[in-house]
Amino acid sequence: MKPIGIITDSHSSISQKEAKERGILVLPMPFYIDGECFYEGVTLSRETFFEKMDAGAQITTSQPSPASVMEIWDKALEEYEKVLYMPISSGLSGSCETAAALARDEKYEGRVLVVDHGQVATPLHQMILDTQELIEKGYSAEEIKEILEKAKERMMIYIGVQTLENLKRGGRITPAAAALGAVFNIKPVLKLETGKLDSYKKCHGFLKARKTMIEAMEKEMETRFKEAKEAGAIHLLAASSASDQETENWVREIEAAFPGMTVMCDPLTLGVSCHTGQGALGIGCAVKPDFGMER
């Protein structure tokens, strides 16, 4: 058997196709649309999701069932001695806590390690790529879990939102605030850090929101992440629920602001898109998990 396997969920921005290519497993997340259950990337495409959203459908996220979690664990344990299970951050969902309880069962104890890493979307995608490198470097599953959990605060992402409607539906802003925002062309910038999505700044117009995000990331790189940047130990990230052309323009804008740095850009996960709606753009960064950590 192989020593260490990786399982994540579709909140990681990793498609089933990429998962197969990389030799990992991705648990598709359930979404309820007008009461009907769909599974991200399996029975629910991005196109259908946004079509339903635009039509005013009631969309809610849900945890995967314990049965589906254990089923994918059992599948992985046929091939691997131990498995790192990396679901959506505990700050955004109860999935991690539920999985931790399941992993205490005698069947999984010591073989399934649930990692509370604080990530979602592109930062989680990047963390999984980094985890594969840690496995290749010869770290044990227990060492990797410890490294990833210590690194949870060394990432962040800013997200600019085009519409306030979905924030209103999710109860993050009041209907009155949404109405005023629409009248005055307010485009909020959100900050996603350690798995928690909070308001960062309100901007007049989306061009201002884009500029604000770039400036905020420049400041992060000059202060909090300066040491990692100078050591080449930081990843520059982007995410988008906008059109392909707008996404491409956004990536070029980021590259111009941070010359010489490679940008990894993903479609914004449907779980985050429930709050942001279409047209959202994000920029973020993540420090390599083992940077500055002694083995």
Protein backbone atom coordinates (compact mmCIF):
# COMPACT_ATOMS: atom_id res chain seq x y z
CA MET A 1 0.00 0.00 0.00
CA LYS A 2 1.05 3.60 -0.57
CA PRO A 3 1.87 5.52 2.64
CA ILE A 4 -0.28 8.71 2.50
CA GLY A 5 -3.35 9.69 0.50
CA ILE A 6 -5.25 12.98 0.29
CA ILE A 7 -9.01 13.54 0.31
CA THR A 8 -10.64 16.95 0.05
CA ASP A 9 -14.05 18.26 -0.99
CA SER A 10 -15.24 20.35 -3.93
CA HIS A 11 -14.92 23.54 -1.86
CA SER A 12 -11.21 23.21 -2.76
CA SER A 13 -11.78 24.30 -6.39
CA ILE A 14 -10.28 20.97 -7.50
CA SER A 15 -12.36 19.35 -10.21
CA GLN A 16 -12.94 15.61 -10.45
CA LYS A 17 -10.75 15.60 -13.57
CA GLU A 18 -7.80 17.26 -11.84
CA ALA A 19 -8.27 15.03 -8.79
CA LYS A 20 -7.95 11.93 -10.94
CA GLU A 21 -4.83 13.32 -12.63
CA ARG A 22 -3.23 14.14 -9.26
CA GLY A 23 -4.19 10.91 -7.56
CA ILE A 24 -6.39 12.45 -4.89
CA LEU A 25 -10.08 12.08 -4.05
CA VAL A 26 -12.62 14.91 -4.01
CA LEU A 27 -15.94 14.57 -2.20
CA PRO A 28 -18.63 16.52 -4.13
CA MET A 29 -20.53 18.96 -1.95
CA PRO A 30 -24.35 18.87 -1.82
CA PHE A 31 -26.41 21.95 -2.70
CA TYR A 32 -30.16 22.29 -2.35
CA ILE A 33 -31.79 24.30 -5.13
CA ASP A 34 -35.51 24.89 -4.51
CA GLY A 35 -35.44 21.80 -2.30
CA GLU A 36 -33.75 19.48 -4.80
CA CYS A 37 -30.30 18.08 -3.96
CA PHE A 38 -27.43 18.47 -6.43
CA TYR A 39 -23.74 17.58 -6.14
CA GLU A 40 -21.08 20.06 -7.23
CA GLY A 41 -19.13 18.96 -10.28
CA VAL A 42 -21.19 15.77 -10.61
CA THR A 43 -24.88 16.63 -11.06
CA LEU A 44 -24.44 20.41 -10.77
CA SER A 45 -22.40 22.43 -13.25
CA ARG A 46 -21.34 26.04 -12.76
CA GLU A 47 -23.56 27.06 -15.66
CA THR A 48 -26.65 25.47 -14.13
CA PHE A 49 -25.82 26.88 -10.71
CA PHE A 50 -25.66 30.49 -11.96
CA GLU A 51 -28.69 30.05 -14.21
CA LYS A 52 -30.70 28.94 -11.18
CA MET A 53 -29.28 31.77 -9.08
CA ASP A 54 -30.18 34.37 -11.73
CA ALA A 55 -33.69 32.95 -11.89
CA GLY A 56 -34.12 33.61 -8.16
CA ALA A 57 -33.97 30.00 -6.99
CA GLN A 58 -33.48 29.33 -3.29
CA ILE A 59 -29.97 27.89 -2.96
CA THR A 60 -28.51 26.51 0.25
CA THR A 61 -25.33 24.62 1.03
CA SER A 62 -25.20 21.49 3.12
CA GLN A 63 -22.70 19.23 4.82
CA PRO A 64 -22.02 15.88 3.15
CA SER A 65 -23.70 12.96 4.88
CA PRO A 66 -21.59 10.89 7.29
CA ALA A 67 -22.22 7.89 5.03
CA SER A 68 -20.72 9.62 1.99
CA VAL A 69 -17.69 10.76 4.02
CA MET A 70 -17.02 7.25 5.33
CA GLU A 71 -17.55 5.77 1.88
CA ILE A 72 -14.78 7.90 0.36
CA TRP A 73 -12.53 7.18 3.35
CA ASP A 74 -13.04 3.44 2.89
CA LYS A 75 -12.17 3.75 -0.79
CA ALA A 76 -8.93 5.62 -0.01
CA LEU A 77 -7.91 3.22 2.77
CA GLU A 78 -7.93 0.35 0.28
CA GLU A 79 -4.95 2.04 -1.38
CA TYR A 80 -3.25 4.06 1.39
CA GLU A 81 -1.95 3.26 4.87
CA LYS A 82 -3.07 6.68 6.12
CA VAL A 83 -5.24 9.46 4.72
CA LEU A 84 -5.20 13.22 5.23
CA TYR A 85 -8.80 14.44 5.04
CA MET A 86 -8.89 18.15 4.18
CA PRO A 87 -12.49 19.43 4.04
CA ILE A 88 -13.69 23.04 3.96
CA SER A 89 -12.44 25.17 6.87
CA SER A 90 -14.14 24.69 10.22
CA GLY A 91 -14.70 28.47 10.23
CA LEU A 92 -17.17 28.15 7.36
CA SER A 93 -18.83 24.79 7.92
CA GLY A 94 -19.39 22.10 10.51
CA SER A 95 -18.04 19.47 8.08
CA CYS A 96 -14.61 19.42 9.71
CA GLU A 97 -15.99 18.92 13.22
CA THR A 98 -18.31 16.16 12.02
CA ALA A 99 -15.43 14.41 10.24
CA ALA A 100 -13.24 14.66 13.35
CA ALA A 101 -15.93 12.86 15.34
CA LEU A 102 -16.22 10.13 12.69
CA ALA A 103 -12.44 9.68 12.63
CA ARG A 104 -12.46 8.73 16.32
CA ASP A 105 -14.20 5.47 15.40
CA GLU A 106 -11.94 2.43 15.91
CA LYS A 107 -12.05 1.69 12.18
CA TYR A 108 -10.47 5.05 11.28
CA GLU A 109 -8.53 6.09 14.38
CA GLY A 110 -4.88 6.60 13.52
CA ARG A 111 -5.51 6.05 9.81
CA VAL A 112 -7.72 9.04 8.89
CA LEU A 113 -6.26 12.36 10.01
CA VAL A 114 -8.72 15.25 9.73
CA VAL A 115 -6.86 18.49 9.06
CA ASP A 116 -8.39 21.74 10.37
CA HIS A 117 -6.38 23.92 7.97
CA GLY A 118 -8.52 27.09 7.83
CA GLN A 119 -8.70 27.16 4.02
CA VAL A 120 -11.29 27.19 1.25
CA ALA A 121 -11.31 27.79 -2.52
CA THR A 122 -7.98 28.58 -4.24
CA PRO A 123 -5.96 28.74 -0.97
CA LEU A 124 -7.14 25.20 -0.16
CA HIS A 125 -6.30 24.11 -3.72
CA GLN A 126 -2.78 25.47 -3.29
CA MET A 127 -2.42 23.91 0.16
CA ILE A 128 -3.23 20.49 -1.29
CA LEU A 129 -0.54 20.94 -3.96
CA ASP A 130 1.87 21.91 -1.17
CA THR A 131 0.77 18.84 0.80
CA GLN A 132 1.72 16.60 -2.09
CA GLU A 133 5.19 18.18 -2.00
CA LEU A 134 5.43 17.53 1.75
CA ILE A 135 4.60 13.86 1.13
CA GLU A 136 7.31 13.71 -1.53
CA LYS A 137 9.78 15.25 0.96
CA GLY A 138 9.18 12.31 3.29
CA TYR A 139 7.14 13.91 6.07
CA SER A 140 4.84 11.57 7.99
CA ALA A 141 1.06 12.07 7.93
CA GLU A 142 1.15 13.27 11.54
CA GLU A 143 3.91 15.79 10.77
CA ILE A 144 2.00 17.11 7.76
CA LYS A 145 -1.20 17.55 9.76
CA GLU A 146 0.73 19.57 12.37
CA ILE A 147 2.45 21.72 9.71
CA LEU A 148 -0.80 22.51 7.88
CA GLU A 149 -2.68 23.42 11.04
CA LYS A 150 0.13 25.70 12.18
CA ALA A 151 0.11 27.39 8.76
CA LYS A 152 -3.61 28.16 8.72
CA GLU A 153 -3.18 31.86 9.49
CA ARG A 154 -0.57 32.41 6.78
CA MET A 155 -3.04 32.98 3.96
CA MET A 156 -5.80 35.37 2.97
CA ILE A 157 -7.90 36.46 -0.01
CA TYR A 158 -9.79 39.63 -0.88
CA ILE A 159 -12.99 39.25 -2.92
CA GLY A 160 -14.73 42.08 -4.76
CA VAL A 161 -18.47 41.61 -5.21
CA GLN A 162 -20.56 42.98 -8.08
CA THR A 163 -23.99 42.46 -6.51
CA LEU A 164 -25.35 42.77 -2.99
CA GLU A 165 -28.33 40.50 -3.63
CA ASN A 166 -26.69 37.29 -2.48
CA LEU A 167 -25.22 38.88 0.63
CA LYS A 168 -28.75 40.04 1.44
CA ARG A 169 -30.19 36.57 0.88
CA GLY A 170 -27.55 35.06 3.14
CA GLY A 171 -28.34 37.54 5.91
CA ARG A 172 -24.89 39.17 5.79
CA ILE A 173 -26.44 42.58 5.04
CA THR A 174 -29.94 43.96 5.58
CA PRO A 175 -32.41 44.51 2.71
CA ALA A 176 -32.17 48.26 3.39
CA ALA A 177 -28.39 48.23 3.09
CA ALA A 178 -28.65 46.23 -0.15
CA ALA A 179 -31.13 48.72 -1.59
CA LEU A 180 -28.96 51.72 -0.68
CA GLY A 181 -25.90 49.96 -2.04
CA ALA A 182 -27.58 49.41 -5.38
CA VAL A 183 -28.62 53.07 -5.59
CA PHE A 184 -25.13 54.38 -4.79
CA ASN A 185 -23.24 51.71 -6.80
CA ILE A 186 -21.58 50.27 -3.70
CA LYS A 187 -19.33 47.29 -4.42
CA PRO A 188 -18.10 45.63 -1.23
CA VAL A 189 -14.71 44.02 -0.85
CA LEU A 190 -14.74 41.00 1.46
CA LYS A 191 -11.79 39.50 3.28
CA LEU A 192 -11.49 35.74 3.65
CA GLU A 193 -8.98 34.77 6.32
CA THR A 194 -8.57 31.57 8.35
CA GLY A 195 -11.81 30.33 6.87
CA LYS A 196 -13.93 33.34 7.89
CA LEU A 197 -15.56 35.72 5.42
CA ASP A 198 -15.83 39.31 6.68
CA SER A 199 -16.43 42.77 5.23
CA TYR A 200 -13.25 44.72 4.40
CA LYS A 201 -14.26 47.91 2.57
CA LYS A 202 -17.15 49.46 0.64
CA CYS A 203 -16.16 50.95 -2.73
CA HIS A 204 -17.98 53.21 -5.17
CA GLY A 205 -17.91 51.18 -8.38
CA PHE A 206 -16.18 47.94 -9.27
CA LEU A 207 -13.10 49.56 -10.79
CA LYS A 208 -12.45 51.11 -7.39
CA ALA A 209 -13.00 47.71 -5.76
CA ARG A 210 -10.40 46.12 -8.04
CA LYS A 211 -7.90 48.87 -7.28
CA THR A 212 -8.60 48.51 -3.56
CA MET A 213 -7.90 44.78 -3.65
CA ILE A 214 -4.61 45.21 -5.53
CA GLU A 215 -3.48 47.90 -3.08
CA ALA A 216 -4.50 45.78 -0.09
CA MET A 217 -2.51 42.83 -1.41
CA GLU A 218 0.52 45.05 -2.09
CA LYS A 219 0.38 46.18 1.53
CA GLU A 220 0.12 42.58 2.74
CA MET A 221 3.20 41.67 0.70
CA GLU A 222 5.14 44.66 2.07
CA THR A 223 4.31 43.92 5.71
CA ARG A 224 2.84 40.68 6.95
CA PHE A 225 4.18 38.47 4.15
CA LYS A 226 7.39 40.37 3.37
CA GLU A 227 9.77 37.71 4.67
CA ALA A 228 8.05 34.89 2.77
CA LYS A 229 7.94 36.95 -0.43
CA GLU A 230 11.64 37.78 -0.27
CA ALA A 231 12.37 34.08 0.24
CA GLY A 232 10.20 33.05 -2.72
CA ALA A 233 8.01 31.06 -0.34
CA ILE A 234 4.65 32.60 -1.13
CA HIS A 235 1.98 31.80 -3.70
CA LEU A 236 -0.04 34.51 -5.46
CA LEU A 237 -3.64 33.42 -5.96
CA ALA A 238 -6.77 34.58 -7.78
CA ALA A 239 -10.38 33.45 -8.05
CA SER A 240 -13.33 34.47 -10.17
CA SER A 241 -17.03 33.94 -10.76
CA ALA A 242 -16.90 36.40 -13.69
CA SER A 243 -16.73 35.75 -17.44
CA ASP A 244 -13.64 34.20 -19.00
CA GLN A 245 -12.64 37.53 -20.54
CA GLU A 246 -13.04 39.47 -17.31
CA THR A 247 -11.13 36.77 -15.45
CA GLU A 248 -8.29 36.95 -17.97
CA ASN A 249 -8.17 40.74 -17.63
CA TRP A 250 -8.08 40.43 -13.85
CA VAL A 251 -5.16 37.98 -13.93
CA ARG A 252 -3.24 40.31 -16.25
CA GLU A 253 -3.91 43.19 -13.85
CA ILE A 254 -2.52 41.15 -10.95
CA GLU A 255 0.53 40.09 -12.96
CA ALA A 256 1.24 43.74 -13.81
CA ALA A 257 1.09 44.70 -10.14
CA PHE A 258 3.33 41.80 -9.06
CA PRO A 259 5.88 41.31 -11.86
CA GLY A 260 7.75 38.03 -11.85
CA MET A 261 5.16 36.22 -9.72
CA THR A 262 3.04 33.38 -11.08
CA VAL A 263 -0.72 33.64 -10.48
CA MET A 264 -2.82 30.54 -9.89
CA CYS A 265 -6.44 31.36 -10.73
CA ASP A 266 -9.48 29.16 -10.10
CA PRO A 267 -13.21 29.51 -10.69
CA LEU A 268 -14.61 30.66 -7.34
CA THR A 269 -16.14 27.66 -5.61
CA LEU A 270 -19.93 27.41 -5.65
CA GLY A 271 -20.01 27.48 -1.84
CA VAL A 272 -18.41 30.95 -1.82
CA SER A 273 -20.33 31.99 -4.94
CA CYS A 274 -23.55 31.48 -2.99
CA HIS A 275 -22.57 34.64 -1.08
CA THR A 276 -20.83 36.61 -3.85
CA GLY A 277 -22.95 35.85 -6.91
CA GLN A 278 -21.65 36.19 -10.45
CA GLY A 279 -18.94 38.64 -11.45
CA ALA A 280 -16.89 38.40 -8.26
CA LEU A 281 -13.09 38.62 -8.43
CA GLY A 282 -10.55 37.69 -5.82
CA ILE A 283 -6.84 38.06 -5.09
CA GLY A 284 -4.98 36.31 -2.31
CA CYS A 285 -1.78 34.70 -1.17
CA ALA A 286 -0.60 31.72 0.82
CA VAL A 287 2.79 31.00 2.39
CA LYS A 288 4.28 27.58 1.74
CA PRO A 289 3.24 25.57 4.83
CA ASP A 290 6.70 24.44 5.88
CA PHE A 291 8.39 27.81 5.38
CA GLY A 292 10.32 28.75 8.53
CA MET A 293 9.32 25.56 10.33
CA GLU A 294 12.01 23.26 11.68
CA ARG A 295 11.48 19.59 11.17
